[in-house]
Amino acid sequence: MNALGEIWIQLSNNGSYGFLLLVILNQTIYFILLGSKSKRSEKYKFAVDNEVKYLKRTANFFSVAIFFLLFSEISNSLGDRYQMLLIFVALMAFMFAFMIAYGFNMYLQFYYPFVLEKRLKSIRFSKLKSSSGNYMKLLNELEEDEFMSDEMIALEEDSKADFDVWVDEVSDEKIIHKYDISDKALVCPACNFRTLKERKEKVLKDASEFEEGLVEKFYQCTYCNHKESKQLKLISWSKKRELENI
């Protein structure tokens, strides 16, 4: 193999190592940023908003690393003949890398939401201690209403937020965590995957200063294509202003 061919192979090897380093760096940055969040509600929101994005970036970096690695290995095995088959070698390496990238993206789109759901539950429902050092009790939906304001209850009913109320039964200390769920996918009743997403909405009755309105929201499953619609109340303008100040 001539010197130019060896240079190309070495560059491909360096490229694969470089992108593998980006894989490690990207995931390390994510876990550092996640660990820097002091409140579990902040960790929860950061994981919801960013975990899949970072994993997709990692998958893409890894696929490019595989492309360079395969290109260098196939070229090295062909010896001097690789120059005559350069396009073929590049195409073969690209096809394998593309298949890996596609597989990762399918995994992240259809299966990883369940993995993420378990991680979110571990963040949200792990044991919590009060300032007195006692383990706190997480109240159920009926018990927590006693400690929530009307505005909080309205946010839950409107599927804009969810609240967890923790109580120290010894010291009576109370902690309320707010979780934004407005952009979260729903569980599809047809395939049971958390892939039911809102596509559009139609206002049936406009809200006014003191009266509620009505909106019909249309959902579609990104996995099985199931479609459905739901009618939800629109809060009054005055109530909306109150909620924005929470």
C-alpha atoms as a PDB file:
ATOM      1  CA  MET A   1       0.000   0.000   0.000  1.00  0.00           C
ATOM      2  CA  ASN A   2       1.377   3.431  -0.914  1.00  0.00           C
ATOM      3  CA  ALA A   3       1.955   6.276   1.521  1.00  0.00           C
ATOM      4  CA  LEU A   4      -1.217   8.142   0.505  1.00  0.00           C
ATOM      5  CA  GLY A   5      -3.330   5.083   1.178  1.00  0.00           C
ATOM      6  CA  GLU A   6      -1.769   4.623   4.591  1.00  0.00           C
ATOM      7  CA  ILE A   7      -2.468   8.283   5.398  1.00  0.00           C
ATOM      8  CA  TRP A   8      -6.162   7.879   4.493  1.00  0.00           C
ATOM      9  CA  ILE A   9      -6.464   4.776   6.635  1.00  0.00           C
ATOM     10  CA  GLN A  10      -4.738   6.482   9.554  1.00  0.00           C
ATOM     11  CA  LEU A  11      -7.050   9.491   9.233  1.00  0.00           C
ATOM     12  CA  SER A  12     -10.050   7.154   9.268  1.00  0.00           C
ATOM     13  CA  ASN A  13      -8.740   5.454  12.387  1.00  0.00           C
ATOM     14  CA  ASN A  14      -8.207   8.825  14.055  1.00  0.00           C
ATOM     15  CA  GLY A  15     -11.720   9.853  13.013  1.00  0.00           C
ATOM     16  CA  SER A  16     -13.222   6.762  14.653  1.00  0.00           C
ATOM     17  CA  TYR A  17     -11.316   7.419  17.889  1.00  0.00           C
ATOM     18  CA  GLY A  18     -12.317  11.075  17.808  1.00  0.00           C
ATOM     19  CA  PHE A  19     -16.029  10.341  17.473  1.00  0.00           C
ATOM     20  CA  LEU A  20     -15.860   7.635  20.146  1.00  0.00           C
ATOM     21  CA  LEU A  21     -14.379  10.288  22.415  1.00  0.00           C
ATOM     22  CA  LEU A  22     -17.330  12.548  21.549  1.00  0.00           C
ATOM     23  CA  VAL A  23     -19.676   9.696  22.545  1.00  0.00           C
ATOM     24  CA  ILE A  24     -18.105   9.521  26.003  1.00  0.00           C
ATOM     25  CA  LEU A  25     -17.892  13.300  26.347  1.00  0.00           C
ATOM     26  CA  ASN A  26     -21.512  13.867  25.322  1.00  0.00           C
ATOM     27  CA  GLN A  27     -22.910  11.379  27.841  1.00  0.00           C
ATOM     28  CA  THR A  28     -20.558  12.592  30.572  1.00  0.00           C
ATOM     29  CA  ILE A  29     -21.778  16.164  30.081  1.00  0.00           C
ATOM     30  CA  TYR A  30     -25.386  14.981  30.326  1.00  0.00           C
ATOM     31  CA  PHE A  31     -24.879  13.145  33.622  1.00  0.00           C
ATOM     32  CA  ILE A  32     -22.899  16.058  35.065  1.00  0.00           C
ATOM     33  CA  LEU A  33     -25.701  18.487  34.175  1.00  0.00           C
ATOM     34  CA  LEU A  34     -28.326  16.078  35.542  1.00  0.00           C
ATOM     35  CA  GLY A  35     -26.389  15.626  38.776  1.00  0.00           C
ATOM     36  CA  SER A  36     -26.025  19.386  39.183  1.00  0.00           C
ATOM     37  CA  LYS A  37     -29.801  19.765  39.687  1.00  0.00           C
ATOM     38  CA  SER A  38     -30.477  19.942  43.401  1.00  0.00           C
ATOM     39  CA  LYS A  39     -34.261  19.481  43.327  1.00  0.00           C
ATOM     40  CA  ARG A  40     -35.830  16.265  42.078  1.00  0.00           C
ATOM     41  CA  SER A  41     -38.418  18.256  40.119  1.00  0.00           C
ATOM     42  CA  GLU A  42     -35.547  20.007  38.297  1.00  0.00           C
ATOM     43  CA  LYS A  43     -33.846  16.664  37.586  1.00  0.00           C
ATOM     44  CA  TYR A  44     -37.149  15.283  36.348  1.00  0.00           C
ATOM     45  CA  LYS A  45     -37.711  18.173  33.934  1.00  0.00           C
ATOM     46  CA  PHE A  46     -34.107  18.085  32.707  1.00  0.00           C
ATOM     47  CA  ALA A  47     -34.356  14.337  32.003  1.00  0.00           C
ATOM     48  CA  VAL A  48     -37.686  14.767  30.182  1.00  0.00           C
ATOM     49  CA  ASP A  49     -36.382  17.629  28.039  1.00  0.00           C
ATOM     50  CA  ASN A  50     -32.842  16.426  27.339  1.00  0.00           C
ATOM     51  CA  GLU A  51     -32.164  12.727  27.874  1.00  0.00           C
ATOM     52  CA  VAL A  52     -33.408  11.536  24.480  1.00  0.00           C
ATOM     53  CA  LYS A  53     -31.726  14.484  22.734  1.00  0.00           C
ATOM     54  CA  TYR A  54     -28.347  13.587  24.234  1.00  0.00           C
ATOM     55  CA  LEU A  55     -28.827   9.904  23.424  1.00  0.00           C
ATOM     56  CA  LYS A  56     -29.676  10.702  19.797  1.00  0.00           C
ATOM     57  CA  ARG A  57     -26.536  12.808  19.548  1.00  0.00           C
ATOM     58  CA  THR A  58     -24.552   9.963  21.106  1.00  0.00           C
ATOM     59  CA  ALA A  59     -26.053   7.484  18.623  1.00  0.00           C
ATOM     60  CA  ASN A  60     -25.107   9.730  15.706  1.00  0.00           C
ATOM     61  CA  PHE A  61     -21.541  10.174  16.969  1.00  0.00           C
ATOM     62  CA  PHE A  62     -21.238   6.417  17.449  1.00  0.00           C
ATOM     63  CA  SER A  63     -22.535   5.721  13.939  1.00  0.00           C
ATOM     64  CA  VAL A  64     -19.980   8.086  12.406  1.00  0.00           C
ATOM     65  CA  ALA A  65     -17.255   6.391  14.464  1.00  0.00           C
ATOM     66  CA  ILE A  66     -18.387   3.022  13.078  1.00  0.00           C
ATOM     67  CA  PHE A  67     -18.255   4.439   9.533  1.00  0.00           C
ATOM     68  CA  PHE A  68     -14.631   5.558   9.906  1.00  0.00           C
ATOM     69  CA  LEU A  69     -13.661   2.316  11.655  1.00  0.00           C
ATOM     70  CA  LEU A  70     -15.209   0.103   8.965  1.00  0.00           C
ATOM     71  CA  PHE A  71     -13.745   2.240   6.194  1.00  0.00           C
ATOM     72  CA  SER A  72     -10.233   1.889   7.599  1.00  0.00           C
ATOM     73  CA  GLU A  73     -10.566  -1.842   8.388  1.00  0.00           C
ATOM     74  CA  ILE A  74     -12.009  -2.789   4.985  1.00  0.00           C
ATOM     75  CA  SER A  75      -9.458  -0.615   3.176  1.00  0.00           C
ATOM     76  CA  ASN A  76      -6.621  -2.127   5.177  1.00  0.00           C
ATOM     77  CA  SER A  77      -7.789  -5.667   4.391  1.00  0.00           C
ATOM     78  CA  LEU A  78      -7.935  -4.889   0.642  1.00  0.00           C
ATOM     79  CA  GLY A  79      -4.414  -3.474   0.543  1.00  0.00           C
ATOM     80  CA  ASP A  80      -3.524  -1.635  -2.685  1.00  0.00           C
ATOM     81  CA  ARG A  81      -6.785  -2.727  -4.284  1.00  0.00           C
ATOM     82  CA  TYR A  82      -8.847  -0.468  -1.994  1.00  0.00           C
ATOM     83  CA  GLN A  83      -8.125   2.580  -4.208  1.00  0.00           C
ATOM     84  CA  MET A  84      -9.899   0.901  -7.121  1.00  0.00           C
ATOM     85  CA  LEU A  85     -12.819   0.030  -4.860  1.00  0.00           C
ATOM     86  CA  LEU A  86     -12.866   3.298  -2.918  1.00  0.00           C
ATOM     87  CA  ILE A  87     -16.515   4.137  -3.671  1.00  0.00           C
ATOM     88  CA  PHE A  88     -17.583   0.561  -2.894  1.00  0.00           C
ATOM     89  CA  VAL A  89     -15.701   0.581   0.423  1.00  0.00           C
ATOM     90  CA  ALA A  90     -17.191   3.934   1.408  1.00  0.00           C
ATOM     91  CA  LEU A  91     -20.684   2.761   0.426  1.00  0.00           C
ATOM     92  CA  MET A  92     -20.374  -0.446   2.445  1.00  0.00           C
ATOM     93  CA  ALA A  93     -19.144   1.422   5.511  1.00  0.00           C
ATOM     94  CA  PHE A  94     -21.927   4.000   5.119  1.00  0.00           C
ATOM     95  CA  MET A  95     -24.622   1.314   4.833  1.00  0.00           C
ATOM     96  CA  PHE A  96     -23.526  -0.416   8.038  1.00  0.00           C
ATOM     97  CA  ALA A  97     -23.238   2.899   9.876  1.00  0.00           C
ATOM     98  CA  PHE A  98     -26.666   3.980   8.588  1.00  0.00           C
ATOM     99  CA  MET A  99     -28.242   0.709   9.746  1.00  0.00           C
ATOM    100  CA  ILE A 100     -26.765   1.201  13.218  1.00  0.00           C
ATOM    101  CA  ALA A 101     -27.988   4.817  13.360  1.00  0.00           C
ATOM    102  CA  TYR A 102     -31.449   3.779  12.160  1.00  0.00           C
ATOM    103  CA  GLY A 103     -31.635   0.990  14.732  1.00  0.00           C
ATOM    104  CA  PHE A 104     -30.659   3.357  17.541  1.00  0.00           C
ATOM    105  CA  ASN A 105     -33.257   5.912  16.477  1.00  0.00           C
ATOM    106  CA  MET A 106     -36.010   3.281  16.276  1.00  0.00           C
ATOM    107  CA  TYR A 107     -35.038   2.089  19.757  1.00  0.00           C
ATOM    108  CA  LEU A 108     -35.115   5.629  21.137  1.00  0.00           C
ATOM    109  CA  GLN A 109     -38.435   6.403  19.466  1.00  0.00           C
ATOM    110  CA  PHE A 110     -40.428   3.316  20.351  1.00  0.00           C
ATOM    111  CA  TYR A 111     -38.825   1.460  23.262  1.00  0.00           C
ATOM    112  CA  TYR A 112     -36.719   3.936  25.195  1.00  0.00           C
ATOM    113  CA  PRO A 113     -39.771   5.934  26.417  1.00  0.00           C
ATOM    114  CA  PHE A 114     -40.476   2.976  28.740  1.00  0.00           C
ATOM    115  CA  VAL A 115     -36.894   2.971  30.011  1.00  0.00           C
ATOM    116  CA  LEU A 116     -37.093   6.722  30.528  1.00  0.00           C
ATOM    117  CA  GLU A 117     -40.431   6.320  32.306  1.00  0.00           C
ATOM    118  CA  LYS A 118     -38.798   4.013  34.874  1.00  0.00           C
ATOM    119  CA  ARG A 119     -35.920   6.446  35.336  1.00  0.00           C
ATOM    120  CA  LEU A 120     -38.333   9.331  35.829  1.00  0.00           C
ATOM    121  CA  LYS A 121     -40.264   7.346  38.432  1.00  0.00           C
ATOM    122  CA  SER A 122     -37.039   6.594  40.303  1.00  0.00           C
ATOM    123  CA  ILE A 123     -36.223  10.321  40.311  1.00  0.00           C
ATOM    124  CA  ARG A 124     -39.707  11.377  41.322  1.00  0.00           C
ATOM    125  CA  PHE A 125     -40.688   8.703  43.854  1.00  0.00           C
ATOM    126  CA  SER A 126     -37.421   7.840  45.578  1.00  0.00           C
ATOM    127  CA  LYS A 127     -37.505   8.170  49.379  1.00  0.00           C
ATOM    128  CA  LEU A 128     -37.460  11.733  50.685  1.00  0.00           C
ATOM    129  CA  LYS A 129     -36.267  12.948  54.082  1.00  0.00           C
ATOM    130  CA  SER A 130     -37.539  16.003  55.889  1.00  0.00           C
ATOM    131  CA  SER A 131     -35.293  18.636  57.452  1.00  0.00           C
ATOM    132  CA  SER A 132     -35.686  16.670  60.708  1.00  0.00           C
ATOM    133  CA  GLY A 133     -34.202  13.564  59.111  1.00  0.00           C
ATOM    134  CA  ASN A 134     -37.445  11.592  59.028  1.00  0.00           C
ATOM    135  CA  TYR A 135     -38.673   9.721  55.968  1.00  0.00           C
ATOM    136  CA  MET A 136     -41.677  11.503  54.493  1.00  0.00           C
ATOM    137  CA  LYS A 137     -44.937  10.002  53.257  1.00  0.00           C
ATOM    138  CA  LEU A 138     -46.119  10.585  49.688  1.00  0.00           C
ATOM    139  CA  LEU A 139     -49.845  11.320  49.778  1.00  0.00           C
ATOM    140  CA  ASN A 140     -52.233   9.773  47.277  1.00  0.00           C
ATOM    141  CA  GLU A 141     -54.529  11.735  44.954  1.00  0.00           C
ATOM    142  CA  LEU A 142     -57.325  11.999  47.521  1.00  0.00           C
ATOM    143  CA  GLU A 143     -55.097  12.867  50.481  1.00  0.00           C
ATOM    144  CA  GLU A 144     -53.047  15.523  48.683  1.00  0.00           C
ATOM    145  CA  ASP A 145     -56.049  17.715  47.741  1.00  0.00           C
ATOM    146  CA  GLU A 146     -56.283  18.866  51.355  1.00  0.00           C
ATOM    147  CA  PHE A 147     -52.864  20.528  51.062  1.00  0.00           C
ATOM    148  CA  MET A 148     -53.218  21.908  47.529  1.00  0.00           C
ATOM    149  CA  SER A 149     -54.635  25.232  46.451  1.00  0.00           C
ATOM    150  CA  ASP A 150     -57.491  25.552  43.953  1.00  0.00           C
ATOM    151  CA  GLU A 151     -54.972  26.768  41.378  1.00  0.00           C
ATOM    152  CA  MET A 152     -52.852  23.632  41.787  1.00  0.00           C
ATOM    153  CA  ILE A 153     -55.890  21.383  41.448  1.00  0.00           C
ATOM    154  CA  ALA A 154     -56.933  23.261  38.306  1.00  0.00           C
ATOM    155  CA  LEU A 155     -53.482  22.745  36.778  1.00  0.00           C
ATOM    156  CA  GLU A 156     -53.722  19.002  37.413  1.00  0.00           C
ATOM    157  CA  GLU A 157     -57.209  18.785  35.946  1.00  0.00           C
ATOM    158  CA  ASP A 158     -56.030  20.686  32.859  1.00  0.00           C
ATOM    159  CA  SER A 159     -53.084  18.233  32.447  1.00  0.00           C
ATOM    160  CA  LYS A 160     -50.623  21.113  32.652  1.00  0.00           C
ATOM    161  CA  ALA A 161     -48.821  19.996  35.784  1.00  0.00           C
ATOM    162  CA  ASP A 162     -48.755  17.290  38.420  1.00  0.00           C
ATOM    163  CA  PHE A 163     -48.049  17.831  42.114  1.00  0.00           C
ATOM    164  CA  ASP A 164     -46.563  15.465  44.686  1.00  0.00           C
ATOM    165  CA  VAL A 165     -47.266  16.253  48.317  1.00  0.00           C
ATOM    166  CA  TRP A 166     -44.828  14.809  50.866  1.00  0.00           C
ATOM    167  CA  VAL A 167     -45.597  14.991  54.598  1.00  0.00           C
ATOM    168  CA  ASP A 168     -43.425  14.258  57.635  1.00  0.00           C
ATOM    169  CA  GLU A 169     -45.924  12.615  59.981  1.00  0.00           C
ATOM    170  CA  VAL A 170     -43.660  13.305  62.967  1.00  0.00           C
ATOM    171  CA  SER A 171     -42.887  17.006  62.503  1.00  0.00           C
ATOM    172  CA  ASP A 172     -45.799  17.838  60.135  1.00  0.00           C
ATOM    173  CA  GLU A 173     -43.354  19.322  57.623  1.00  0.00           C
ATOM    174  CA  LYS A 174     -44.837  19.519  54.135  1.00  0.00           C
ATOM    175  CA  ILE A 175     -43.049  19.612  50.767  1.00  0.00           C
ATOM    176  CA  ILE A 176     -44.830  20.051  47.422  1.00  0.00           C
ATOM    177  CA  HIS A 177     -43.062  19.282  44.151  1.00  0.00           C
ATOM    178  CA  LYS A 178     -44.446  20.553  40.853  1.00  0.00           C
ATOM    179  CA  TYR A 179     -43.884  18.592  37.611  1.00  0.00           C
ATOM    180  CA  ASP A 180     -44.653  20.028  34.189  1.00  0.00           C
ATOM    181  CA  ILE A 181     -46.437  17.357  32.127  1.00  0.00           C
ATOM    182  CA  SER A 182     -47.940  19.554  29.393  1.00  0.00           C
ATOM    183  CA  ASP A 183     -45.630  18.159  26.656  1.00  0.00           C
ATOM    184  CA  LYS A 184     -45.529  14.557  27.834  1.00  0.00           C
ATOM    185  CA  ALA A 185     -46.781  11.808  25.526  1.00  0.00           C
ATOM    186  CA  LEU A 186     -49.751   9.767  26.732  1.00  0.00           C
ATOM    187  CA  VAL A 187     -50.192   5.994  26.845  1.00  0.00           C
ATOM    188  CA  CYS A 188     -51.893   4.802  23.657  1.00  0.00           C
ATOM    189  CA  PRO A 189     -54.974   2.655  24.459  1.00  0.00           C
ATOM    190  CA  ALA A 190     -54.405   0.611  21.281  1.00  0.00           C
ATOM    191  CA  CYS A 191     -50.749  -0.460  21.629  1.00  0.00           C
ATOM    192  CA  ASN A 192     -50.061   0.527  25.279  1.00  0.00           C
ATOM    193  CA  PHE A 193     -46.921   2.454  24.314  1.00  0.00           C
ATOM    194  CA  ARG A 194     -46.388   5.978  25.628  1.00  0.00           C
ATOM    195  CA  THR A 195     -46.490   7.350  22.097  1.00  0.00           C
ATOM    196  CA  LEU A 196     -49.861   9.132  21.908  1.00  0.00           C
ATOM    197  CA  LYS A 197     -49.170  12.762  21.056  1.00  0.00           C
ATOM    198  CA  GLU A 198     -51.351  15.792  20.502  1.00  0.00           C
ATOM    199  CA  ARG A 199     -51.547  16.816  16.830  1.00  0.00           C
ATOM    200  CA  LYS A 200     -54.026  19.679  16.761  1.00  0.00           C
ATOM    201  CA  GLU A 201     -56.830  21.293  18.697  1.00  0.00           C
ATOM    202  CA  LYS A 202     -60.138  22.967  17.879  1.00  0.00           C
ATOM    203  CA  VAL A 203     -61.715  25.561  20.155  1.00  0.00           C
ATOM    204  CA  LEU A 204     -65.413  24.782  20.570  1.00  0.00           C
ATOM    205  CA  LYS A 205     -66.125  27.623  22.978  1.00  0.00           C
ATOM    206  CA  ASP A 206     -63.868  30.553  23.779  1.00  0.00           C
ATOM    207  CA  ALA A 207     -63.077  31.272  27.408  1.00  0.00           C
ATOM    208  CA  SER A 208     -63.974  34.691  28.793  1.00  0.00           C
ATOM    209  CA  GLU A 209     -62.879  36.709  31.794  1.00  0.00           C
ATOM    210  CA  PHE A 210     -64.876  34.634  34.271  1.00  0.00           C
ATOM    211  CA  GLU A 211     -66.322  31.731  32.231  1.00  0.00           C
ATOM    212  CA  GLU A 212     -64.606  28.541  31.137  1.00  0.00           C
ATOM    213  CA  GLY A 213     -64.317  27.545  27.490  1.00  0.00           C
ATOM    214  CA  LEU A 214     -64.164  24.196  25.724  1.00  0.00           C
ATOM    215  CA  VAL A 215     -61.510  22.760  23.394  1.00  0.00           C
ATOM    216  CA  GLU A 216     -61.321  19.484  21.475  1.00  0.00           C
ATOM    217  CA  LYS A 217     -57.817  18.012  21.203  1.00  0.00           C
ATOM    218  CA  PHE A 218     -56.866  15.435  18.591  1.00  0.00           C
ATOM    219  CA  TYR A 219     -54.219  12.797  19.324  1.00  0.00           C
ATOM    220  CA  GLN A 220     -52.317  10.340  17.149  1.00  0.00           C
ATOM    221  CA  CYS A 221     -50.041   7.462  18.134  1.00  0.00           C
ATOM    222  CA  THR A 222     -46.603   7.636  16.531  1.00  0.00           C
ATOM    223  CA  TYR A 223     -46.299   3.836  16.745  1.00  0.00           C
ATOM    224  CA  CYS A 224     -49.607   2.261  15.676  1.00  0.00           C
ATOM    225  CA  ASN A 225     -51.265   5.368  14.162  1.00  0.00           C
ATOM    226  CA  HIS A 226     -54.251   5.143  16.526  1.00  0.00           C
ATOM    227  CA  LYS A 227     -56.276   8.379  16.576  1.00  0.00           C
ATOM    228  CA  GLU A 228     -58.640   9.798  19.167  1.00  0.00           C
ATOM    229  CA  SER A 229     -59.956  13.098  20.466  1.00  0.00           C
ATOM    230  CA  LYS A 230     -60.805  14.524  23.888  1.00  0.00           C
ATOM    231  CA  GLN A 231     -62.819  17.517  24.986  1.00  0.00           C
ATOM    232  CA  LEU A 232     -61.196  19.594  27.720  1.00  0.00           C
ATOM    233  CA  LYS A 233     -62.170  22.746  29.561  1.00  0.00           C
ATOM    234  CA  LEU A 234     -60.410  26.052  28.932  1.00  0.00           C
ATOM    235  CA  ILE A 235     -59.867  28.001  32.132  1.00  0.00           C
ATOM    236  CA  SER A 236     -61.123  31.575  32.374  1.00  0.00           C
ATOM    237  CA  TRP A 237     -58.747  34.480  31.774  1.00  0.00           C
ATOM    238  CA  SER A 238     -58.814  35.497  35.433  1.00  0.00           C
ATOM    239  CA  LYS A 239     -57.998  31.972  36.579  1.00  0.00           C
ATOM    240  CA  LYS A 240     -55.196  31.744  34.003  1.00  0.00           C
ATOM    241  CA  ARG A 241     -53.570  34.876  35.403  1.00  0.00           C
ATOM    242  CA  GLU A 242     -53.697  33.353  38.876  1.00  0.00           C
ATOM    243  CA  LEU A 243     -52.071  30.126  37.668  1.00  0.00           C
ATOM    244  CA  GLU A 244     -49.252  31.981  35.929  1.00  0.00           C
ATOM    245  CA  ASN A 245     -48.222  33.407  39.298  1.00  0.00           C
ATOM    246  CA  ILE A 246     -47.807  30.022  40.980  1.00  0.00           C
END
